[in-house]
């Protein structure tokens, strides 16, 4: 299951991130978005969703939401 299927307000644990882009992986790691970390979908939108990772809130697009497996 990925973030596009997640319910709003429920905390999930990231199981993996499926992307071949090393720069994107490094960016996500700097946000605290990596395997084993909790993530919560705050609000879902057509173009993506707003997520809470650690102490921050981030707006991610639909492609990235599909790459984050929970």
N, C-alpha and C. Protein backbone atom coordinates (compact mmCIF):
# COMPACT_ATOMS: atom_id res chain seq x y z
N UNK A 1 0.87 -1.18 0.00
CA UNK A 1 0.00 0.00 0.00
C UNK A 1 0.91 1.24 0.00
N UNK A 2 0.47 2.28 -0.69
CA UNK A 2 1.25 3.52 -0.71
C UNK A 2 0.43 4.66 -0.09
N UNK A 3 1.02 5.86 -0.05
CA UNK A 3 0.36 6.98 0.62
C UNK A 3 -0.93 7.43 -0.04
N UNK A 4 -1.11 7.13 -1.32
CA UNK A 4 -2.36 7.53 -1.98
C UNK A 4 -3.55 6.75 -1.43
N UNK A 5 -3.29 5.60 -0.80
CA UNK A 5 -4.35 4.78 -0.22
C UNK A 5 -4.51 4.99 1.28
N UNK A 6 -3.65 5.80 1.88
CA UNK A 6 -3.67 5.99 3.33
C UNK A 6 -4.84 6.86 3.77
N UNK A 7 -5.36 6.57 4.94
CA UNK A 7 -6.43 7.38 5.52
C UNK A 7 -5.82 8.58 6.21
N UNK A 8 -6.54 9.69 6.16
CA UNK A 8 -6.08 10.92 6.81
C UNK A 8 -6.09 10.75 8.33
N UNK A 9 -5.06 11.28 8.98
CA UNK A 9 -5.01 11.30 10.43
C UNK A 9 -4.49 10.04 11.10
N UNK A 10 -4.18 9.01 10.34
CA UNK A 10 -3.67 7.76 10.92
C UNK A 10 -2.17 7.68 10.68
N UNK A 11 -1.43 7.34 11.72
CA UNK A 11 0.02 7.22 11.61
C UNK A 11 0.39 5.85 11.04
N UNK A 12 1.22 5.87 10.01
CA UNK A 12 1.72 4.66 9.38
C UNK A 12 3.23 4.62 9.51
N UNK A 13 3.80 3.44 9.33
CA UNK A 13 5.25 3.27 9.32
C UNK A 13 5.69 3.05 7.88
N UNK A 14 6.68 3.79 7.43
CA UNK A 14 7.18 3.66 6.06
C UNK A 14 7.91 2.33 5.94
N UNK A 15 7.48 1.51 4.97
CA UNK A 15 8.14 0.22 4.77
C UNK A 15 9.25 0.33 3.73
N UNK A 16 9.05 1.17 2.71
CA UNK A 16 10.10 1.37 1.70
C UNK A 16 9.76 2.58 0.85
N UNK A 17 10.75 3.03 0.10
CA UNK A 17 10.56 4.10 -0.87
C UNK A 17 11.05 3.58 -2.21
N UNK A 18 10.14 3.46 -3.16
CA UNK A 18 10.44 2.87 -4.47
C UNK A 18 10.73 3.95 -5.49
N UNK A 19 11.98 4.37 -5.55
CA UNK A 19 12.41 5.33 -6.56
C UNK A 19 13.86 5.03 -6.92
N UNK A 20 14.22 5.25 -8.16
CA UNK A 20 15.58 5.03 -8.63
C UNK A 20 16.41 6.30 -8.60
N UNK A 21 15.79 7.42 -8.22
CA UNK A 21 16.46 8.72 -8.20
C UNK A 21 17.22 8.89 -6.88
N UNK A 22 18.54 8.81 -6.94
CA UNK A 22 19.37 8.90 -5.73
C UNK A 22 19.27 10.27 -5.07
N UNK A 23 19.13 11.32 -5.87
CA UNK A 23 18.99 12.67 -5.32
C UNK A 23 17.69 12.80 -4.54
N UNK A 24 16.62 12.23 -5.06
CA UNK A 24 15.33 12.24 -4.37
C UNK A 24 15.42 11.44 -3.07
N UNK A 25 16.08 10.29 -3.10
CA UNK A 25 16.26 9.51 -1.89
C UNK A 25 17.01 10.29 -0.82
N UNK A 26 18.05 11.01 -1.22
CA UNK A 26 18.82 11.82 -0.28
C UNK A 26 17.98 12.93 0.31
N UNK A 27 17.15 13.56 -0.54
CA UNK A 27 16.28 14.64 -0.08
C UNK A 27 15.27 14.12 0.94
N UNK A 28 14.64 12.99 0.63
CA UNK A 28 13.66 12.41 1.54
C UNK A 28 14.31 12.00 2.86
N UNK A 29 15.52 11.46 2.79
CA UNK A 29 16.24 11.07 3.99
C UNK A 29 16.51 12.30 4.87
N UNK A 30 16.83 13.43 4.24
CA UNK A 30 17.08 14.65 5.01
C UNK A 30 15.82 15.17 5.70
N UNK A 31 14.65 14.83 5.16
CA UNK A 31 13.38 15.21 5.80
C UNK A 31 13.00 14.25 6.92
N UNK A 32 13.67 13.11 6.96
CA UNK A 32 13.30 12.08 7.94
C UNK A 32 12.36 11.06 7.37
N UNK A 33 12.25 11.02 6.06
CA UNK A 33 11.34 10.10 5.37
C UNK A 33 12.15 8.92 4.85
N UNK A 34 12.20 7.85 5.66
CA UNK A 34 12.91 6.64 5.27
C UNK A 34 12.28 5.44 5.98
N UNK A 35 12.67 4.28 5.57
CA UNK A 35 12.09 3.04 6.07
C UNK A 35 12.15 2.97 7.59
N UNK A 36 11.01 2.60 8.20
CA UNK A 36 10.93 2.46 9.65
C UNK A 36 10.43 3.69 10.37
N UNK A 37 10.31 4.81 9.68
CA UNK A 37 9.87 6.06 10.32
C UNK A 37 8.35 6.23 10.19
N UNK A 38 7.72 6.86 11.18
CA UNK A 38 6.28 7.12 11.09
C UNK A 38 5.97 8.28 10.14
N UNK A 39 4.82 8.18 9.48
CA UNK A 39 4.34 9.23 8.59
C UNK A 39 2.82 9.29 8.71
N UNK A 40 2.27 10.49 8.66
CA UNK A 40 0.82 10.68 8.76
C UNK A 40 0.35 11.55 7.62
N UNK A 41 -0.70 11.12 6.92
CA UNK A 41 -1.32 11.95 5.89
C UNK A 41 -2.27 12.91 6.59
N UNK A 42 -1.98 14.20 6.49
CA UNK A 42 -2.81 15.22 7.14
C UNK A 42 -4.01 15.56 6.26
N UNK A 43 -3.73 15.75 4.97
CA UNK A 43 -4.80 16.12 4.03
C UNK A 43 -4.45 15.58 2.65
N UNK A 44 -5.43 15.04 1.97
CA UNK A 44 -5.24 14.54 0.62
C UNK A 44 -5.81 15.55 -0.37
N UNK A 45 -5.08 15.77 -1.46
CA UNK A 45 -5.51 16.69 -2.52
C UNK A 45 -5.39 15.99 -3.85
N UNK A 46 -5.96 16.60 -4.90
CA UNK A 46 -5.85 16.01 -6.24
C UNK A 46 -4.41 15.89 -6.70
N UNK A 47 -3.61 16.91 -6.42
CA UNK A 47 -2.23 16.94 -6.91
C UNK A 47 -1.26 16.21 -5.98
N UNK A 48 -1.71 15.73 -4.83
CA UNK A 48 -0.83 15.06 -3.89
C UNK A 48 -1.43 15.04 -2.50
N UNK A 49 -0.58 15.21 -1.51
CA UNK A 49 -1.09 15.23 -0.14
C UNK A 49 -0.13 15.97 0.78
N UNK A 50 -0.66 16.37 1.92
CA UNK A 50 0.13 17.01 2.97
C UNK A 50 0.41 15.93 4.00
N UNK A 51 1.70 15.75 4.31
CA UNK A 51 2.09 14.72 5.26
C UNK A 51 2.85 15.32 6.43
N UNK A 52 2.81 14.61 7.53
CA UNK A 52 3.57 14.98 8.71
C UNK A 52 4.67 13.93 8.90
N UNK A 53 5.92 14.42 8.87
CA UNK A 53 7.08 13.56 9.09
C UNK A 53 7.89 14.21 10.21
N UNK A 54 8.10 13.46 11.27
CA UNK A 54 8.78 13.98 12.46
C UNK A 54 8.05 15.25 12.93
N UNK A 55 8.71 16.39 12.98
CA UNK A 55 8.08 17.63 13.45
C UNK A 55 7.66 18.56 12.33
N UNK A 56 7.72 18.11 11.07
CA UNK A 56 7.41 18.98 9.95
C UNK A 56 6.22 18.51 9.14
N UNK A 57 5.63 19.45 8.42
CA UNK A 57 4.56 19.14 7.47
C UNK A 57 5.04 19.48 6.07
N UNK A 58 4.78 18.57 5.14
CA UNK A 58 5.28 18.75 3.79
C UNK A 58 4.17 18.42 2.78
N UNK A 59 4.17 19.17 1.69
CA UNK A 59 3.24 18.92 0.60
C UNK A 59 3.99 18.10 -0.45
N UNK A 60 3.53 16.89 -0.73
CA UNK A 60 4.20 16.05 -1.71
C UNK A 60 3.26 15.78 -2.88
N UNK A 61 3.84 15.62 -4.06
CA UNK A 61 3.01 15.39 -5.24
C UNK A 61 2.59 13.92 -5.32
N UNK A 62 1.68 13.63 -6.24
CA UNK A 62 1.07 12.31 -6.35
C UNK A 62 2.10 11.23 -6.70
N UNK A 63 3.10 11.56 -7.54
CA UNK A 63 4.12 10.58 -7.91
C UNK A 63 4.95 10.16 -6.70
N UNK A 64 5.32 11.13 -5.88
CA UNK A 64 6.09 10.82 -4.68
C UNK A 64 5.24 10.05 -3.69
N UNK A 65 3.97 10.40 -3.57
CA UNK A 65 3.07 9.68 -2.66
C UNK A 65 2.94 8.22 -3.09
N UNK A 66 2.95 7.96 -4.38
CA UNK A 66 2.88 6.58 -4.86
C UNK A 66 4.17 5.83 -4.59
N UNK A 67 5.30 6.52 -4.51
CA UNK A 67 6.60 5.88 -4.29
C UNK A 67 6.83 5.50 -2.83
N UNK A 68 6.13 6.17 -1.91
CA UNK A 68 6.31 5.89 -0.48
C UNK A 68 5.35 4.77 -0.07
N UNK A 69 5.93 3.63 0.23
CA UNK A 69 5.14 2.43 0.61
C UNK A 69 5.00 2.36 2.12
N UNK A 70 3.78 2.03 2.56
CA UNK A 70 3.51 1.93 3.99
C UNK A 70 2.98 0.55 4.31
